[in-house]
Structures are given as structure tokens and as C-alpha cells.
Amino acid sequence: MSSFLFNLIGFSLLGAVAIVLIMGIYTLFKGGNTSKKYSNKLMQLRVLLQFIAVIVLVLLAYFFKN
């Protein structure tokens, strides 16, 4: 059960980071006002999500280490 929970949370966090990354890259290549308005914010959100993902996965690995 803990393996399923670990995988579910891990892949959910990975998916969230991937979605924000793809949105950021799309916005960057689109250019114009959209790029100026959202590109930097999306990349900051990606870094924040990566930080949260690493912290959560390390905590899960620590508590479910068997």
C-alpha cells in the first residue's frame, strides 16, 4: 500500500511540474505580450513545484523506508 501511495504522489507531482514546464515553454516560444506577461511567472511556478516535489518525496521516502 505504501508503494502505491508513494508512486501516486510521485507521479502526480511529476505531472504537475511537466504541465507547468510545457506551458512555460509554449508561452516563451509564442512571444508577444503573452510571453512578457506569463513566461517568467510560469517558470517561477515550475521551480516552486519542483522544490515542493523534492521535499514531499524525501519526506515520503523517510517515513516509508522499509
PDB file of N, CA and C in Angstrom:
ATOM      1  N   MET A   1       0.821  -1.208   0.000  1.00  0.00           N
ATOM      2  CA  MET A   1       0.000   0.000   0.000  1.00  0.00           C
ATOM      3  C   MET A   1       0.852   1.253   0.000  1.00  0.00           C
ATOM      4  N   SER A   2       1.928   1.268   0.778  1.00  0.00           N
ATOM      5  CA  SER A   2       2.768   2.461   0.831  1.00  0.00           C
ATOM      6  C   SER A   2       3.464   2.696  -0.513  1.00  0.00           C
ATOM      7  N   SER A   3       3.786   1.623  -1.216  1.00  0.00           N
ATOM      8  CA  SER A   3       4.411   1.767  -2.529  1.00  0.00           C
ATOM      9  C   SER A   3       3.434   2.419  -3.510  1.00  0.00           C
ATOM     10  N   PHE A   4       2.181   2.010  -3.447  1.00  0.00           N
ATOM     11  CA  PHE A   4       1.167   2.609  -4.319  1.00  0.00           C
ATOM     12  C   PHE A   4       1.000   4.091  -4.010  1.00  0.00           C
ATOM     13  N   LEU A   5       0.945   4.438  -2.732  1.00  0.00           N
ATOM     14  CA  LEU A   5       0.802   5.831  -2.322  1.00  0.00           C
ATOM     15  C   LEU A   5       2.001   6.656  -2.766  1.00  0.00           C
ATOM     16  N   PHE A   6       3.191   6.110  -2.565  1.00  0.00           N
ATOM     17  CA  PHE A   6       4.421   6.789  -2.979  1.00  0.00           C
ATOM     18  C   PHE A   6       4.424   7.049  -4.478  1.00  0.00           C
ATOM     19  N   ASN A   7       4.058   6.035  -5.269  1.00  0.00           N
ATOM     20  CA  ASN A   7       4.020   6.181  -6.729  1.00  0.00           C
ATOM     21  C   ASN A   7       2.952   7.179  -7.166  1.00  0.00           C
ATOM     22  N   LEU A   8       1.791   7.115  -6.547  1.00  0.00           N
ATOM     23  CA  LEU A   8       0.702   8.017  -6.906  1.00  0.00           C
ATOM     24  C   LEU A   8       1.094   9.479  -6.658  1.00  0.00           C
ATOM     25  N   ILE A   9       1.622   9.749  -5.489  1.00  0.00           N
ATOM     26  CA  ILE A   9       2.021  11.117  -5.159  1.00  0.00           C
ATOM     27  C   ILE A   9       3.194  11.552  -6.031  1.00  0.00           C
ATOM     28  N   GLY A  10       4.150  10.661  -6.225  1.00  0.00           N
ATOM     29  CA  GLY A  10       5.320  10.990  -7.043  1.00  0.00           C
ATOM     30  C   GLY A  10       4.955  11.325  -8.481  1.00  0.00           C
ATOM     31  N   PHE A  11       4.130  10.498  -9.093  1.00  0.00           N
ATOM     32  CA  PHE A  11       3.748  10.747 -10.482  1.00  0.00           C
ATOM     33  C   PHE A  11       2.817  11.955 -10.613  1.00  0.00           C
ATOM     34  N   SER A  12       2.014  12.218  -9.593  1.00  0.00           N
ATOM     35  CA  SER A  12       1.161  13.407  -9.612  1.00  0.00           C
ATOM     36  C   SER A  12       2.010  14.679  -9.580  1.00  0.00           C
ATOM     37  N   LEU A  13       3.008  14.683  -8.712  1.00  0.00           N
ATOM     38  CA  LEU A  13       3.904  15.846  -8.642  1.00  0.00           C
ATOM     39  C   LEU A  13       4.715  15.997  -9.925  1.00  0.00           C
ATOM     40  N   LEU A  14       5.183  14.884 -10.467  1.00  0.00           N
ATOM     41  CA  LEU A  14       5.917  14.917 -11.729  1.00  0.00           C
ATOM     42  C   LEU A  14       5.040  15.461 -12.853  1.00  0.00           C
ATOM     43  N   GLY A  15       3.785  15.038 -12.891  1.00  0.00           N
ATOM     44  CA  GLY A  15       2.855  15.531 -13.910  1.00  0.00           C
ATOM     45  C   GLY A  15       2.595  17.018 -13.777  1.00  0.00           C
ATOM     46  N   ALA A  16       2.450  17.497 -12.547  1.00  0.00           N
ATOM     47  CA  ALA A  16       2.221  18.930 -12.331  1.00  0.00           C
ATOM     48  C   ALA A  16       3.408  19.745 -12.811  1.00  0.00           C
ATOM     49  N   VAL A  17       4.617  19.288 -12.488  1.00  0.00           N
ATOM     50  CA  VAL A  17       5.822  20.003 -12.935  1.00  0.00           C
ATOM     51  C   VAL A  17       5.920  19.971 -14.461  1.00  0.00           C
ATOM     52  N   ALA A  18       5.629  18.834 -15.055  1.00  0.00           N
ATOM     53  CA  ALA A  18       5.713  18.704 -16.513  1.00  0.00           C
ATOM     54  C   ALA A  18       4.700  19.606 -17.219  1.00  0.00           C
ATOM     55  N   ILE A  19       3.498  19.696 -16.691  1.00  0.00           N
ATOM     56  CA  ILE A  19       2.470  20.544 -17.298  1.00  0.00           C
ATOM     57  C   ILE A  19       2.888  22.005 -17.256  1.00  0.00           C
ATOM     58  N   VAL A  20       3.393  22.455 -16.102  1.00  0.00           N
ATOM     59  CA  VAL A  20       3.823  23.849 -15.985  1.00  0.00           C
ATOM     60  C   VAL A  20       5.024  24.114 -16.885  1.00  0.00           C
ATOM     61  N   LEU A  21       5.932  23.144 -16.989  1.00  0.00           N
ATOM     62  CA  LEU A  21       7.089  23.300 -17.877  1.00  0.00           C
ATOM     63  C   LEU A  21       6.655  23.447 -19.327  1.00  0.00           C
ATOM     64  N   ILE A  22       5.741  22.610 -19.766  1.00  0.00           N
ATOM     65  CA  ILE A  22       5.263  22.670 -21.152  1.00  0.00           C
ATOM     66  C   ILE A  22       4.533  23.984 -21.412  1.00  0.00           C
ATOM     67  N   MET A  23       3.721  24.420 -20.449  1.00  0.00           N
ATOM     68  CA  MET A  23       3.028  25.706 -20.609  1.00  0.00           C
ATOM     69  C   MET A  23       4.025  26.855 -20.684  1.00  0.00           C
ATOM     70  N   GLY A  24       5.072  26.808 -19.876  1.00  0.00           N
ATOM     71  CA  GLY A  24       6.087  27.859 -19.889  1.00  0.00           C
ATOM     72  C   GLY A  24       6.863  27.906 -21.191  1.00  0.00           C
ATOM     73  N   ILE A  25       7.231  26.745 -21.705  1.00  0.00           N
ATOM     74  CA  ILE A  25       7.958  26.699 -22.973  1.00  0.00           C
ATOM     75  C   ILE A  25       7.069  27.178 -24.112  1.00  0.00           C
ATOM     76  N   TYR A  26       5.811  26.763 -24.121  1.00  0.00           N
ATOM     77  CA  TYR A  26       4.880  27.213 -25.150  1.00  0.00           C
ATOM     78  C   TYR A  26       4.727  28.734 -25.117  1.00  0.00           C
ATOM     79  N   THR A  27       4.583  29.273 -23.922  1.00  0.00           N
ATOM     80  CA  THR A  27       4.420  30.715 -23.773  1.00  0.00           C
ATOM     81  C   THR A  27       5.677  31.457 -24.219  1.00  0.00           C
ATOM     82  N   LEU A  28       6.831  30.890 -23.911  1.00  0.00           N
ATOM     83  CA  LEU A  28       8.099  31.508 -24.296  1.00  0.00           C
ATOM     84  C   LEU A  28       8.234  31.582 -25.810  1.00  0.00           C
ATOM     85  N   PHE A  29       7.888  30.499 -26.510  1.00  0.00           N
ATOM     86  CA  PHE A  29       8.011  30.483 -27.962  1.00  0.00           C
ATOM     87  C   PHE A  29       6.890  31.233 -28.672  1.00  0.00           C
ATOM     88  N   LYS A  30       5.773  31.426 -27.990  1.00  0.00           N
ATOM     89  CA  LYS A  30       4.668  32.166 -28.599  1.00  0.00           C
ATOM     90  C   LYS A  30       5.050  33.630 -28.796  1.00  0.00           C
ATOM     91  N   GLY A  31       5.738  34.181 -27.801  1.00  0.00           N
ATOM     92  CA  GLY A  31       6.217  35.555 -27.905  1.00  0.00           C
ATOM     93  C   GLY A  31       5.118  36.575 -27.681  1.00  0.00           C
ATOM     94  N   GLY A  32       5.456  37.819 -27.887  1.00  0.00           N
ATOM     95  CA  GLY A  32       4.494  38.903 -27.760  1.00  0.00           C
ATOM     96  C   GLY A  32       4.152  39.224 -26.323  1.00  0.00           C
ATOM     97  N   ASN A  33       2.967  39.795 -26.136  1.00  0.00           N
ATOM     98  CA  ASN A  33       2.516  40.182 -24.801  1.00  0.00           C
ATOM     99  C   ASN A  33       2.321  38.984 -23.882  1.00  0.00           C
ATOM    100  N   THR A  34       1.890  37.890 -24.444  1.00  0.00           N
ATOM    101  CA  THR A  34       1.678  36.687 -23.634  1.00  0.00           C
ATOM    102  C   THR A  34       2.981  36.235 -23.003  1.00  0.00           C
ATOM    103  N   SER A  35       4.041  36.249 -23.779  1.00  0.00           N
ATOM    104  CA  SER A  35       5.336  35.840 -23.257  1.00  0.00           C
ATOM    105  C   SER A  35       5.826  36.791 -22.175  1.00  0.00           C
ATOM    106  N   LYS A  36       5.661  38.068 -22.397  1.00  0.00           N
ATOM    107  CA  LYS A  36       6.108  39.055 -21.415  1.00  0.00           C
ATOM    108  C   LYS A  36       5.327  38.929 -20.114  1.00  0.00           C
ATOM    109  N   LYS A  37       4.055  38.588 -20.232  1.00  0.00           N
ATOM    110  CA  LYS A  37       3.185  38.565 -19.058  1.00  0.00           C
ATOM    111  C   LYS A  37       3.313  37.274 -18.247  1.00  0.00           C
ATOM    112  N   TYR A  38       3.436  36.125 -18.916  1.00  0.00           N
ATOM    113  CA  TYR A  38       3.312  34.846 -18.221  1.00  0.00           C
ATOM    114  C   TYR A  38       4.569  33.984 -18.189  1.00  0.00           C
ATOM    115  N   SER A  39       5.517  34.191 -19.062  1.00  0.00           N
ATOM    116  CA  SER A  39       6.656  33.286 -19.176  1.00  0.00           C
ATOM    117  C   SER A  39       7.452  33.194 -17.883  1.00  0.00           C
ATOM    118  N   ASN A  40       7.835  34.318 -17.328  1.00  0.00           N
ATOM    119  CA  ASN A  40       8.635  34.312 -16.107  1.00  0.00           C
ATOM    120  C   ASN A  40       7.847  33.755 -14.925  1.00  0.00           C
ATOM    121  N   LYS A  41       6.575  34.079 -14.840  1.00  0.00           N
ATOM    122  CA  LYS A  41       5.752  33.588 -13.735  1.00  0.00           C
ATOM    123  C   LYS A  41       5.589  32.066 -13.794  1.00  0.00           C
ATOM    124  N   LEU A  42       5.437  31.532 -15.001  1.00  0.00           N
ATOM    125  CA  LEU A  42       5.308  30.085 -15.137  1.00  0.00           C
ATOM    126  C   LEU A  42       6.607  29.372 -14.770  1.00  0.00           C
ATOM    127  N   MET A  43       7.726  29.940 -15.141  1.00  0.00           N
ATOM    128  CA  MET A  43       8.997  29.315 -14.789  1.00  0.00           C
ATOM    129  C   MET A  43       9.253  29.402 -13.282  1.00  0.00           C
ATOM    130  N   GLN A  44       8.833  30.480 -12.650  1.00  0.00           N
ATOM    131  CA  GLN A  44       8.943  30.568 -11.194  1.00  0.00           C
ATOM    132  C   GLN A  44       8.044  29.533 -10.525  1.00  0.00           C
ATOM    133  N   LEU A  45       6.851  29.337 -11.072  1.00  0.00           N
ATOM    134  CA  LEU A  45       5.940  28.328 -10.548  1.00  0.00           C
ATOM    135  C   LEU A  45       6.530  26.933 -10.709  1.00  0.00           C
ATOM    136  N   ARG A  46       7.198  26.693 -11.828  1.00  0.00           N
ATOM    137  CA  ARG A  46       7.840  25.392 -12.055  1.00  0.00           C
ATOM    138  C   ARG A  46       8.911  25.121 -11.012  1.00  0.00           C
ATOM    139  N   VAL A  47       9.733  26.124 -10.725  1.00  0.00           N
ATOM    140  CA  VAL A  47      10.784  25.948  -9.722  1.00  0.00           C
ATOM    141  C   VAL A  47      10.168  25.681  -8.350  1.00  0.00           C
ATOM    142  N   LEU A  48       9.099  26.396  -8.016  1.00  0.00           N
ATOM    143  CA  LEU A  48       8.420  26.177  -6.746  1.00  0.00           C
ATOM    144  C   LEU A  48       7.841  24.762  -6.669  1.00  0.00           C
ATOM    145  N   LEU A  49       7.209  24.307  -7.746  1.00  0.00           N
ATOM    146  CA  LEU A  49       6.650  22.952  -7.764  1.00  0.00           C
ATOM    147  C   LEU A  49       7.741  21.894  -7.666  1.00  0.00           C
ATOM    148  N   GLN A  50       8.884  22.134  -8.300  1.00  0.00           N
ATOM    149  CA  GLN A  50       9.987  21.192  -8.190  1.00  0.00           C
ATOM    150  C   GLN A  50      10.494  21.124  -6.751  1.00  0.00           C
ATOM    151  N   PHE A  51      10.586  22.263  -6.088  1.00  0.00           N
ATOM    152  CA  PHE A  51      11.021  22.298  -4.702  1.00  0.00           C
ATOM    153  C   PHE A  51      10.049  21.513  -3.819  1.00  0.00           C
ATOM    154  N   ILE A  52       8.764  21.751  -4.002  1.00  0.00           N
ATOM    155  CA  ILE A  52       7.750  21.043  -3.224  1.00  0.00           C
ATOM    156  C   ILE A  52       7.817  19.542  -3.503  1.00  0.00           C
ATOM    157  N   ALA A  53       7.995  19.166  -4.772  1.00  0.00           N
ATOM    158  CA  ALA A  53       8.066  17.749  -5.132  1.00  0.00           C
ATOM    159  C   ALA A  53       9.256  17.072  -4.466  1.00  0.00           C
ATOM    160  N   VAL A  54      10.396  17.720  -4.465  1.00  0.00           N
ATOM    161  CA  VAL A  54      11.583  17.122  -3.844  1.00  0.00           C
ATOM    162  C   VAL A  54      11.374  16.956  -2.345  1.00  0.00           C
ATOM    163  N   ILE A  55      10.853  17.986  -1.690  1.00  0.00           N
ATOM    164  CA  ILE A  55      10.625  17.913  -0.247  1.00  0.00           C
ATOM    165  C   ILE A  55       9.624  16.801   0.087  1.00  0.00           C
ATOM    166  N   VAL A  56       8.523  16.733  -0.629  1.00  0.00           N
ATOM    167  CA  VAL A  56       7.498  15.713  -0.357  1.00  0.00           C
ATOM    168  C   VAL A  56       8.050  14.311  -0.605  1.00  0.00           C
ATOM    169  N   LEU A  57       8.786  14.118  -1.700  1.00  0.00           N
ATOM    170  CA  LEU A  57       9.326  12.791  -1.995  1.00  0.00           C
ATOM    171  C   LEU A  57      10.379  12.367  -0.978  1.00  0.00           C
ATOM    172  N   VAL A  58      11.189  13.303  -0.517  1.00  0.00           N
ATOM    173  CA  VAL A  58      12.173  12.967   0.516  1.00  0.00           C
ATOM    174  C   VAL A  58      11.467  12.595   1.817  1.00  0.00           C
ATOM    175  N   LEU A  59      10.438  13.351   2.182  1.00  0.00           N
ATOM    176  CA  LEU A  59       9.685  13.021   3.401  1.00  0.00           C
ATOM    177  C   LEU A  59       8.993  11.669   3.284  1.00  0.00           C
ATOM    178  N   LEU A  60       8.402  11.384   2.131  1.00  0.00           N
ATOM    179  CA  LEU A  60       7.758  10.083   1.934  1.00  0.00           C
ATOM    180  C   LEU A  60       8.777   8.954   1.988  1.00  0.00           C
ATOM    181  N   ALA A  61       9.938   9.152   1.385  1.00  0.00           N
ATOM    182  CA  ALA A  61      10.970   8.128   1.408  1.00  0.00           C
ATOM    183  C   ALA A  61      11.460   7.892   2.828  1.00  0.00           C
ATOM    184  N   TYR A  62      11.527   8.948   3.619  1.00  0.00           N
ATOM    185  CA  TYR A  62      11.975   8.809   5.002  1.00  0.00           C
ATOM    186  C   TYR A  62      10.947   8.054   5.847  1.00  0.00           C
ATOM    187  N   PHE A  63       9.671   8.386   5.699  1.00  0.00           N
ATOM    188  CA  PHE A  63       8.651   7.777   6.538  1.00  0.00           C
ATOM    189  C   PHE A  63       8.232   6.385   6.074  1.00  0.00           C
ATOM    190  N   PHE A  64       8.410   6.090   4.799  1.00  0.00           N
ATOM    191  CA  PHE A  64       8.022   4.776   4.281  1.00  0.00           C
ATOM    192  C   PHE A  64       9.236   3.936   3.894  1.00  0.00           C
ATOM    193  N   LYS A  65      10.330   4.075   4.614  1.00  0.00           N
ATOM    194  CA  LYS A  65      11.566   3.336   4.288  1.00  0.00           C
ATOM    195  C   LYS A  65      11.520   1.945   4.903  1.00  0.00           C
ATOM    196  N   ASN A  66      11.038   1.004   4.162  1.00  0.00           N
ATOM    197  CA  ASN A  66      11.026  -0.375   4.664  1.00  0.00           C
ATOM    198  C   ASN A  66      11.443  -1.348   3.606  1.00  0.00           C
TER     199      ASN A  66
END
